[in-house]
N, C-alpha and C. Protein backbone atom coordinates (compact mmCIF):
# COMPACT_ATOMS: atom_id res chain seq x y z
N MET A 1 9.70 -27.48 1.67
CA MET A 1 10.39 -27.15 0.51
C MET A 1 9.51 -25.93 -0.34
N PRO A 2 10.33 -24.17 0.53
CA PRO A 2 9.11 -22.97 0.48
C PRO A 2 8.70 -23.31 -1.41
N ALA A 3 7.39 -21.96 -1.40
CA ALA A 3 7.17 -21.90 -2.35
C ALA A 3 7.85 -21.15 -3.71
N SER A 4 8.38 -21.20 -4.29
CA SER A 4 8.68 -20.34 -5.40
C SER A 4 7.87 -18.88 -5.36
N PRO A 5 9.08 -17.56 -6.03
CA PRO A 5 8.56 -16.68 -5.57
C PRO A 5 7.59 -16.53 -7.63
N ASP A 6 7.08 -17.15 -8.02
CA ASP A 6 7.12 -16.86 -9.21
C ASP A 6 5.04 -17.90 -8.29
N ARG A 7 5.26 -19.01 -8.54
CA ARG A 7 4.11 -19.44 -7.95
C ARG A 7 2.85 -18.82 -6.56
N VAL A 8 3.99 -18.03 -5.71
CA VAL A 8 3.18 -17.00 -5.15
C VAL A 8 2.96 -16.16 -5.64
N LEU A 9 3.50 -15.66 -6.80
CA LEU A 9 3.08 -14.06 -7.56
C LEU A 9 1.85 -14.90 -8.60
N HIS A 10 1.56 -16.30 -8.34
CA HIS A 10 0.72 -16.52 -9.33
C HIS A 10 -0.83 -16.65 -8.92
N MET A 11 0.06 -16.91 -7.30
CA MET A 11 -1.46 -17.53 -6.41
C MET A 11 -2.00 -16.07 -5.78
N LEU A 12 -1.54 -14.97 -5.75
CA LEU A 12 -2.15 -13.21 -5.66
C LEU A 12 -2.66 -13.09 -6.17
N HIS A 13 -2.40 -13.35 -7.71
CA HIS A 13 -3.01 -12.51 -8.77
C HIS A 13 -4.11 -13.76 -8.82
N GLN A 14 -4.56 -15.20 -8.65
CA GLN A 14 -6.07 -15.42 -8.33
C GLN A 14 -6.78 -14.98 -7.68
N VAL A 15 -5.89 -14.79 -6.39
CA VAL A 15 -7.53 -14.47 -5.51
C VAL A 15 -7.88 -12.36 -6.01
N LEU A 16 -6.69 -12.00 -6.75
CA LEU A 16 -6.48 -10.56 -6.03
C LEU A 16 -8.34 -10.09 -7.59
N LYS A 17 -7.92 -11.28 -8.28
CA LYS A 17 -9.07 -11.11 -9.71
C LYS A 17 -10.20 -11.71 -8.82
N ARG A 18 -9.56 -12.88 -7.88
CA ARG A 18 -11.35 -13.18 -7.63
C ARG A 18 -12.27 -12.34 -6.33
N VAL A 19 -11.28 -11.24 -6.11
CA VAL A 19 -11.97 -9.86 -5.35
C VAL A 19 -12.78 -8.66 -6.45
N GLY A 20 -11.94 -8.96 -7.41
CA GLY A 20 -12.45 -8.14 -8.61
C GLY A 20 -11.42 -6.77 -8.49
N LEU A 21 -10.23 -7.31 -7.86
CA LEU A 21 -8.87 -6.36 -7.89
C LEU A 21 -8.14 -6.53 -9.32
N SER A 22 -7.51 -5.98 -10.46
CA SER A 22 -6.80 -6.59 -11.14
C SER A 22 -5.52 -7.51 -11.24
N GLY A 23 -4.99 -6.05 -9.80
CA GLY A 23 -3.45 -7.25 -9.43
C GLY A 23 -2.55 -5.92 -10.37
N ASP A 24 -2.87 -5.61 -10.83
CA ASP A 24 -1.83 -4.61 -12.02
C ASP A 24 -1.35 -3.43 -11.29
N PHE A 25 -0.02 -2.82 -11.54
CA PHE A 25 0.49 -2.10 -10.74
C PHE A 25 1.62 -1.25 -11.38
N SER A 26 2.14 -0.40 -11.66
CA SER A 26 2.73 0.69 -11.96
C SER A 26 3.25 1.25 -10.33
N ALA A 27 5.05 1.29 -11.12
CA ALA A 27 6.01 1.80 -9.91
C ALA A 27 5.74 3.26 -9.66
N TRP A 28 4.80 4.38 -9.96
CA TRP A 28 4.19 5.28 -9.93
C TRP A 28 3.14 5.92 -9.75
N PHE A 29 2.35 4.54 -9.51
CA PHE A 29 0.68 4.94 -9.34
C PHE A 29 0.35 4.68 -7.48
N THR A 30 1.46 3.09 -7.21
CA THR A 30 1.11 3.02 -6.08
C THR A 30 1.26 4.36 -5.22
N PRO A 31 2.31 5.11 -4.95
CA PRO A 31 2.89 6.43 -4.16
C PRO A 31 1.11 7.58 -4.56
N GLU A 32 0.15 7.18 -5.43
CA GLU A 32 -0.19 8.59 -5.38
C GLU A 32 -1.27 8.80 -5.17
N PRO A 33 -2.21 7.83 -4.79
CA PRO A 33 -2.81 7.24 -3.15
C PRO A 33 -2.74 7.73 -2.75
N CYS A 34 -1.31 7.28 -1.91
CA CYS A 34 -0.94 7.49 -0.39
C CYS A 34 -0.92 8.80 -0.11
N ALA A 35 -0.09 9.76 -0.94
CA ALA A 35 0.81 10.86 -1.18
C ALA A 35 -0.06 11.43 0.28
N HIS A 36 -1.70 12.07 -0.30
CA HIS A 36 -2.02 12.71 1.17
C HIS A 36 -1.83 12.02 2.23
N VAL A 37 -2.07 10.80 2.35
CA VAL A 37 -2.21 10.11 3.74
C VAL A 37 -1.57 10.60 4.69
N THR A 38 0.16 10.67 4.38
CA THR A 38 0.82 11.17 4.39
C THR A 38 1.32 12.40 5.20
N THR A 39 0.32 12.93 4.47
CA THR A 39 0.72 15.08 4.52
C THR A 39 -0.34 14.84 5.94
N VAL A 40 -1.53 14.52 5.98
CA VAL A 40 -2.23 14.96 6.40
C VAL A 40 -1.83 14.05 8.33
N SER A 41 -0.29 12.89 8.20
CA SER A 41 -0.98 12.22 9.55
C SER A 41 0.44 12.90 9.95
N GLN A 42 1.24 13.24 8.79
CA GLN A 42 2.41 14.57 9.28
C GLN A 42 2.28 15.69 9.74
N ARG A 43 0.97 16.16 9.46
CA ARG A 43 0.78 17.18 10.49
C ARG A 43 -0.45 17.02 11.50
N GLN A 44 -0.90 16.10 11.63
CA GLN A 44 -1.95 15.71 12.73
C GLN A 44 -0.28 15.05 13.65
N ALA A 45 -0.09 14.52 13.11
CA ALA A 45 2.12 14.23 15.03
C ALA A 45 2.35 15.65 15.13
N ALA A 46 2.44 16.58 13.87
CA ALA A 46 3.10 18.08 14.53
C ALA A 46 2.02 19.20 14.96
N LYS A 47 0.95 18.37 15.30
CA LYS A 47 -0.29 19.45 15.82
C LYS A 47 -0.53 18.75 17.16
N ALA A 48 0.14 17.22 17.62
CA ALA A 48 0.29 16.69 18.27
C ALA A 48 1.16 16.99 18.81
N THR A 49 2.69 16.88 18.93
CA THR A 49 3.75 17.17 19.55
C THR A 49 4.00 18.78 20.19
N TRP A 50 2.79 19.81 18.86
CA TRP A 50 2.66 20.82 19.31
C TRP A 50 2.21 21.50 20.73
N ARG A 51 0.86 19.95 21.24
CA ARG A 51 0.50 20.14 22.00
C ARG A 51 1.10 19.93 23.19
N LEU A 52 2.07 19.24 23.15
CA LEU A 52 2.84 18.11 24.55
C LEU A 52 3.62 19.50 24.72
N LEU A 53 4.42 20.20 23.82
CA LEU A 53 5.05 21.11 24.89
C LEU A 53 4.46 22.38 24.79
């Protein structure tokens, strides 16, 4: 029998606390730290494509 979603979430929170992360999040926070990575990756991909042409 598969674990319930609530049980999996509880186990995840326990692991996050054990490694020093709170496990708290919000929908707006997650993309913010990663937005610059996407931009950099897109620029690198564009440059690499341009070099191939």
